Amino acid sequence: MSAPDPDHVRLAEALIFASADPVSLRQIAALLPEDADAGAVLQAVQSLYAGRGVTLTEAGGGWQFRTAPDLAGRLTRVISRPRRLPRVAMETLAIIAWHQPVTRAQIEEIRGAALGQPTLDALLEGALIRPAGHRDVPGRPTLWATTPAFLTQFGLRDLADLPKRSELVLETSVLMAEPPGTDAP
């Protein structure tokens, strides 16, 4: 199989660079001639940026350029960080991500606390959640789900990339262990 046309690679590179949102393989294919292999073009762009300051990363249902992971920490002093979400918003977002579609009442039940409208408004304004229909019960409460922007914000390809519960919960034995530097009798 021959290497993709360099002009096709440049065109895909420019599209990904210019787009504020992740670019899907379908979008790349639509830009190229019919006989071009969009997958091979995407691989060529990815290999162009291997080991560079930016990498081509799959996130949010498409591809986008991101800072190389080994450099990201060194850039935090130079680049301003986006406004952080309050703890209640992060808790709510996590519940929605793991339990979607979920109603406000279910979120409150899991959190063990009431959920204020400003929290939902902040997540909606950030395009991190979206209404996903209504539960078919009296009152028809809104169901909430995450958006592709959520995946992009957290660098996830899809929801399957979310950490598993076992990865987040410390084992009881670890919590009960002696602190370092103490000798057990």
C-alpha atoms as a PDB file:
ATOM      1  CA  MET A   1       0.000   0.000   0.000  1.00  0.00           C
ATOM      2  CA  SER A   2       1.398   3.388  -0.945  1.00  0.00           C
ATOM      3  CA  ALA A   3       1.761   6.362   1.367  1.00  0.00           C
ATOM      4  CA  PRO A   4      -1.099   8.856   1.304  1.00  0.00           C
ATOM      5  CA  ASP A   5      -0.818  11.881  -0.945  1.00  0.00           C
ATOM      6  CA  PRO A   6       1.127  14.589   0.963  1.00  0.00           C
ATOM      7  CA  ASP A   7      -1.471  17.170  -0.065  1.00  0.00           C
ATOM      8  CA  HIS A   8      -4.224  15.047   1.535  1.00  0.00           C
ATOM      9  CA  VAL A   9      -2.165  14.817   4.733  1.00  0.00           C
ATOM     10  CA  ARG A  10      -1.668  18.608   4.771  1.00  0.00           C
ATOM     11  CA  LEU A  11      -5.392  19.167   4.180  1.00  0.00           C
ATOM     12  CA  ALA A  12      -6.385  16.860   7.066  1.00  0.00           C
ATOM     13  CA  GLU A  13      -3.756  18.491   9.300  1.00  0.00           C
ATOM     14  CA  ALA A  14      -5.143  21.955   8.506  1.00  0.00           C
ATOM     15  CA  LEU A  15      -8.725  20.843   9.159  1.00  0.00           C
ATOM     16  CA  ILE A  16      -7.858  19.376  12.564  1.00  0.00           C
ATOM     17  CA  PHE A  17      -5.750  22.397  13.494  1.00  0.00           C
ATOM     18  CA  ALA A  18      -8.451  24.905  12.514  1.00  0.00           C
ATOM     19  CA  SER A  19     -11.333  23.114  14.206  1.00  0.00           C
ATOM     20  CA  ALA A  20     -12.321  24.058  17.749  1.00  0.00           C
ATOM     21  CA  ASP A  21     -14.040  20.666  18.148  1.00  0.00           C
ATOM     22  CA  PRO A  22     -12.674  17.160  17.587  1.00  0.00           C
ATOM     23  CA  VAL A  23     -12.749  16.206  13.888  1.00  0.00           C
ATOM     24  CA  SER A  24     -14.269  12.845  12.983  1.00  0.00           C
ATOM     25  CA  LEU A  25     -12.853  10.465  10.404  1.00  0.00           C
ATOM     26  CA  ARG A  26     -16.052  11.058   8.435  1.00  0.00           C
ATOM     27  CA  GLN A  27     -15.330  14.808   8.291  1.00  0.00           C
ATOM     28  CA  ILE A  28     -11.826  14.138   7.023  1.00  0.00           C
ATOM     29  CA  ALA A  29     -13.127  11.681   4.420  1.00  0.00           C
ATOM     30  CA  ALA A  30     -15.687  14.247   3.204  1.00  0.00           C
ATOM     31  CA  LEU A  31     -12.882  16.719   2.540  1.00  0.00           C
ATOM     32  CA  LEU A  32     -10.721  14.269   0.575  1.00  0.00           C
ATOM     33  CA  PRO A  33     -11.243  12.813  -2.905  1.00  0.00           C
ATOM     34  CA  GLU A  34     -13.363   9.640  -2.978  1.00  0.00           C
ATOM     35  CA  ASP A  35     -10.405   7.365  -3.705  1.00  0.00           C
ATOM     36  CA  ALA A  36      -8.369   8.644  -0.723  1.00  0.00           C
ATOM     37  CA  ASP A  37      -8.049   6.454   2.383  1.00  0.00           C
ATOM     38  CA  ALA A  38      -9.011   8.798   5.238  1.00  0.00           C
ATOM     39  CA  GLY A  39      -7.739   6.322   7.840  1.00  0.00           C
ATOM     40  CA  ALA A  40      -4.288   6.203   6.229  1.00  0.00           C
ATOM     41  CA  VAL A  41      -4.255  10.003   5.966  1.00  0.00           C
ATOM     42  CA  LEU A  42      -5.121  10.301   9.665  1.00  0.00           C
ATOM     43  CA  GLN A  43      -2.360   7.813  10.569  1.00  0.00           C
ATOM     44  CA  ALA A  44       0.103   9.854   8.502  1.00  0.00           C
ATOM     45  CA  VAL A  45      -0.847  13.029  10.392  1.00  0.00           C
ATOM     46  CA  GLN A  46      -0.539  11.178  13.684  1.00  0.00           C
ATOM     47  CA  SER A  47       2.923   9.871  12.812  1.00  0.00           C
ATOM     48  CA  LEU A  48       4.002  13.381  11.740  1.00  0.00           C
ATOM     49  CA  TYR A  49       3.357  14.597  15.266  1.00  0.00           C
ATOM     50  CA  ALA A  50       4.711  11.574  17.176  1.00  0.00           C
ATOM     51  CA  GLY A  51       7.261  12.794  19.711  1.00  0.00           C
ATOM     52  CA  ARG A  52       6.513  16.465  19.034  1.00  0.00           C
ATOM     53  CA  GLY A  53       5.214  19.202  21.352  1.00  0.00           C
ATOM     54  CA  VAL A  54       1.653  18.459  20.274  1.00  0.00           C
ATOM     55  CA  THR A  55       0.117  15.097  19.522  1.00  0.00           C
ATOM     56  CA  LEU A  56      -2.921  14.031  17.567  1.00  0.00           C
ATOM     57  CA  THR A  57      -5.289  12.554  20.121  1.00  0.00           C
ATOM     58  CA  GLU A  58      -8.651  10.836  19.843  1.00  0.00           C
ATOM     59  CA  ALA A  59     -11.186  12.503  22.135  1.00  0.00           C
ATOM     60  CA  GLY A  60     -14.886  13.271  22.145  1.00  0.00           C
ATOM     61  CA  GLY A  61     -15.701  11.197  19.072  1.00  0.00           C
ATOM     62  CA  GLY A  62     -13.007  12.705  16.880  1.00  0.00           C
ATOM     63  CA  TRP A  63      -9.396  13.822  16.648  1.00  0.00           C
ATOM     64  CA  GLN A  64      -7.690  16.985  17.862  1.00  0.00           C
ATOM     65  CA  PHE A  65      -4.251  18.325  18.606  1.00  0.00           C
ATOM     66  CA  ARG A  66      -3.301  18.398  22.271  1.00  0.00           C
ATOM     67  CA  THR A  67      -0.198  19.303  24.193  1.00  0.00           C
ATOM     68  CA  ALA A  68       2.128  16.332  24.590  1.00  0.00           C
ATOM     69  CA  PRO A  69       1.412  14.802  28.021  1.00  0.00           C
ATOM     70  CA  ASP A  70       5.037  15.080  29.153  1.00  0.00           C
ATOM     71  CA  LEU A  71       5.006  18.849  28.500  1.00  0.00           C
ATOM     72  CA  ALA A  72       1.578  19.734  29.873  1.00  0.00           C
ATOM     73  CA  GLY A  73       2.774  20.186  33.453  1.00  0.00           C
ATOM     74  CA  ARG A  74       5.490  22.602  32.407  1.00  0.00           C
ATOM     75  CA  LEU A  75       2.997  24.779  30.537  1.00  0.00           C
ATOM     76  CA  THR A  76       0.681  25.333  33.509  1.00  0.00           C
ATOM     77  CA  ARG A  77       2.831  28.280  34.604  1.00  0.00           C
ATOM     78  CA  VAL A  78       2.466  29.932  31.191  1.00  0.00           C
ATOM     79  CA  ILE A  79      -1.099  29.191  30.118  1.00  0.00           C
ATOM     80  CA  SER A  80      -4.069  30.238  32.219  1.00  0.00           C
ATOM     81  CA  ARG A  81      -6.289  27.395  33.296  1.00  0.00           C
ATOM     82  CA  PRO A  82      -9.988  27.346  32.563  1.00  0.00           C
ATOM     83  CA  ARG A  83     -12.235  28.169  35.477  1.00  0.00           C
ATOM     84  CA  ARG A  84     -12.536  25.145  37.741  1.00  0.00           C
ATOM     85  CA  LEU A  85     -15.931  23.724  38.534  1.00  0.00           C
ATOM     86  CA  PRO A  86     -17.036  23.803  42.167  1.00  0.00           C
ATOM     87  CA  ARG A  87     -16.963  20.498  44.033  1.00  0.00           C
ATOM     88  CA  VAL A  88     -20.759  20.079  43.889  1.00  0.00           C
ATOM     89  CA  ALA A  89     -20.661  20.509  40.095  1.00  0.00           C
ATOM     90  CA  MET A  90     -17.856  17.940  39.748  1.00  0.00           C
ATOM     91  CA  GLU A  91     -19.763  15.476  41.961  1.00  0.00           C
ATOM     92  CA  THR A  92     -22.906  16.018  39.895  1.00  0.00           C
ATOM     93  CA  LEU A  93     -21.007  15.622  36.646  1.00  0.00           C
ATOM     94  CA  ALA A  94     -19.414  12.388  37.854  1.00  0.00           C
ATOM     95  CA  ILE A  95     -22.812  10.969  38.839  1.00  0.00           C
ATOM     96  CA  ILE A  96     -24.291  11.901  35.473  1.00  0.00           C
ATOM     97  CA  ALA A  97     -21.311  10.382  33.625  1.00  0.00           C
ATOM     98  CA  TRP A  98     -21.483   7.035  35.450  1.00  0.00           C
ATOM     99  CA  HIS A  99     -25.269   6.700  35.742  1.00  0.00           C
ATOM    100  CA  GLN A 100     -26.636   8.428  32.630  1.00  0.00           C
ATOM    101  CA  PRO A 101     -29.329   9.000  31.739  1.00  0.00           C
ATOM    102  CA  VAL A 102     -30.228  10.099  35.273  1.00  0.00           C
ATOM    103  CA  THR A 103     -32.841  12.379  36.828  1.00  0.00           C
ATOM    104  CA  ARG A 104     -32.187  15.195  39.273  1.00  0.00           C
ATOM    105  CA  ALA A 105     -33.860  13.155  42.048  1.00  0.00           C
ATOM    106  CA  GLN A 106     -31.491  10.238  41.357  1.00  0.00           C
ATOM    107  CA  ILE A 107     -28.500  12.599  41.476  1.00  0.00           C
ATOM    108  CA  GLU A 108     -29.709  13.966  44.816  1.00  0.00           C
ATOM    109  CA  GLU A 109     -30.229  10.439  46.154  1.00  0.00           C
ATOM    110  CA  ILE A 110     -26.720   9.356  45.172  1.00  0.00           C
ATOM    111  CA  ARG A 111     -25.109  12.560  46.488  1.00  0.00           C
ATOM    112  CA  GLY A 112     -27.198  12.515  49.651  1.00  0.00           C
ATOM    113  CA  ALA A 113     -27.839  16.247  49.278  1.00  0.00           C
ATOM    114  CA  ALA A 114     -30.116  18.614  47.398  1.00  0.00           C
ATOM    115  CA  LEU A 115     -28.983  19.811  43.988  1.00  0.00           C
ATOM    116  CA  GLY A 116     -29.398  23.514  43.263  1.00  0.00           C
ATOM    117  CA  GLN A 117     -30.427  24.785  39.854  1.00  0.00           C
ATOM    118  CA  PRO A 118     -27.256  26.932  39.584  1.00  0.00           C
ATOM    119  CA  THR A 119     -25.190  23.721  39.527  1.00  0.00           C
ATOM    120  CA  LEU A 120     -27.155  22.290  36.611  1.00  0.00           C
ATOM    121  CA  ASP A 121     -27.054  25.688  34.909  1.00  0.00           C
ATOM    122  CA  ALA A 122     -23.242  25.823  35.195  1.00  0.00           C
ATOM    123  CA  LEU A 123     -22.902  22.350  33.667  1.00  0.00           C
ATOM    124  CA  LEU A 124     -25.336  23.250  30.892  1.00  0.00           C
ATOM    125  CA  GLU A 125     -23.554  26.551  30.232  1.00  0.00           C
ATOM    126  CA  GLY A 126     -20.258  24.685  29.973  1.00  0.00           C
ATOM    127  CA  ALA A 127     -21.934  22.297  27.500  1.00  0.00           C
ATOM    128  CA  LEU A 128     -20.883  19.362  29.688  1.00  0.00           C
ATOM    129  CA  ILE A 129     -24.407  17.958  30.100  1.00  0.00           C
ATOM    130  CA  ARG A 130     -27.582  17.918  28.030  1.00  0.00           C
ATOM    131  CA  PRO A 131     -31.222  16.948  28.506  1.00  0.00           C
ATOM    132  CA  ALA A 132     -31.677  13.385  27.266  1.00  0.00           C
ATOM    133  CA  GLY A 133     -35.452  13.069  27.316  1.00  0.00           C
ATOM    134  CA  HIS A 134     -37.879  12.534  30.159  1.00  0.00           C
ATOM    135  CA  ARG A 135     -38.506   9.587  32.455  1.00  0.00           C
ATOM    136  CA  ASP A 136     -41.912   8.064  31.824  1.00  0.00           C
ATOM    137  CA  VAL A 137     -43.266   8.547  35.358  1.00  0.00           C
ATOM    138  CA  PRO A 138     -45.598  11.129  36.892  1.00  0.00           C
ATOM    139  CA  GLY A 139     -44.086  14.579  36.570  1.00  0.00           C
ATOM    140  CA  ARG A 140     -41.934  13.403  33.634  1.00  0.00           C
ATOM    141  CA  PRO A 141     -38.578  14.481  35.154  1.00  0.00           C
ATOM    142  CA  THR A 142     -35.772  15.423  32.788  1.00  0.00           C
ATOM    143  CA  LEU A 143     -33.072  12.840  32.174  1.00  0.00           C
ATOM    144  CA  TRP A 144     -29.506  14.185  32.058  1.00  0.00           C
ATOM    145  CA  ALA A 145     -26.533  12.857  30.078  1.00  0.00           C
ATOM    146  CA  THR A 146     -23.035  14.042  29.202  1.00  0.00           C
ATOM    147  CA  THR A 147     -22.072  15.653  25.883  1.00  0.00           C
ATOM    148  CA  PRO A 148     -19.177  15.227  23.450  1.00  0.00           C
ATOM    149  CA  ALA A 149     -17.736  18.400  25.036  1.00  0.00           C
ATOM    150  CA  PHE A 150     -17.535  16.471  28.330  1.00  0.00           C
ATOM    151  CA  LEU A 151     -15.469  13.784  26.618  1.00  0.00           C
ATOM    152  CA  THR A 152     -13.237  16.410  25.043  1.00  0.00           C
ATOM    153  CA  GLN A 153     -12.789  18.353  28.302  1.00  0.00           C
ATOM    154  CA  PHE A 154     -11.617  15.240  30.123  1.00  0.00           C
ATOM    155  CA  GLY A 155      -9.656  13.710  27.223  1.00  0.00           C
ATOM    156  CA  LEU A 156     -11.878  10.650  26.817  1.00  0.00           C
ATOM    157  CA  ARG A 157     -12.577   8.859  23.533  1.00  0.00           C
ATOM    158  CA  ASP A 158     -15.892   7.567  24.863  1.00  0.00           C
ATOM    159  CA  LEU A 159     -17.624   6.739  28.136  1.00  0.00           C
ATOM    160  CA  ALA A 160     -15.919   3.346  28.273  1.00  0.00           C
ATOM    161  CA  ASP A 161     -12.707   5.259  29.086  1.00  0.00           C
ATOM    162  CA  LEU A 162     -14.145   6.412  32.422  1.00  0.00           C
ATOM    163  CA  PRO A 163     -12.280   4.864  35.350  1.00  0.00           C
ATOM    164  CA  LYS A 164     -13.909   1.803  36.864  1.00  0.00           C
ATOM    165  CA  ARG A 165     -15.214   2.011  40.426  1.00  0.00           C
ATOM    166  CA  SER A 166     -12.501  -0.391  41.582  1.00  0.00           C
ATOM    167  CA  GLU A 167      -9.857   2.053  40.314  1.00  0.00           C
ATOM    168  CA  LEU A 168     -11.310   4.886  42.402  1.00  0.00           C
ATOM    169  CA  VAL A 169     -12.064   3.182  45.709  1.00  0.00           C
ATOM    170  CA  LEU A 170      -9.193   2.445  48.058  1.00  0.00           C
ATOM    171  CA  GLU A 171      -9.135  -0.996  49.580  1.00  0.00           C
ATOM    172  CA  THR A 172     -10.110  -1.153  53.247  1.00  0.00           C
ATOM    173  CA  SER A 173      -6.806  -2.893  53.995  1.00  0.00           C
ATOM    174  CA  VAL A 174      -4.890   0.073  52.557  1.00  0.00           C
ATOM    175  CA  LEU A 175      -6.850   2.493  54.731  1.00  0.00           C
ATOM    176  CA  MET A 176      -6.247   0.374  57.823  1.00  0.00           C
ATOM    177  CA  ALA A 177      -2.504  -0.069  57.205  1.00  0.00           C
ATOM    178  CA  GLU A 178       0.039   1.348  59.602  1.00  0.00           C
ATOM    179  CA  PRO A 179       1.410   4.765  58.611  1.00  0.00           C
ATOM    180  CA  PRO A 180       4.884   4.660  57.042  1.00  0.00           C
ATOM    181  CA  GLY A 181       7.763   4.787  59.494  1.00  0.00           C
ATOM    182  CA  THR A 182       5.925   3.022  62.337  1.00  0.00           C
ATOM    183  CA  ASP A 183       6.842  -0.436  63.488  1.00  0.00           C
ATOM    184  CA  ALA A 184       4.042  -2.845  64.152  1.00  0.00           C
ATOM    185  CA  PRO A 185       4.579  -4.905  67.363  1.00  0.00           C
END
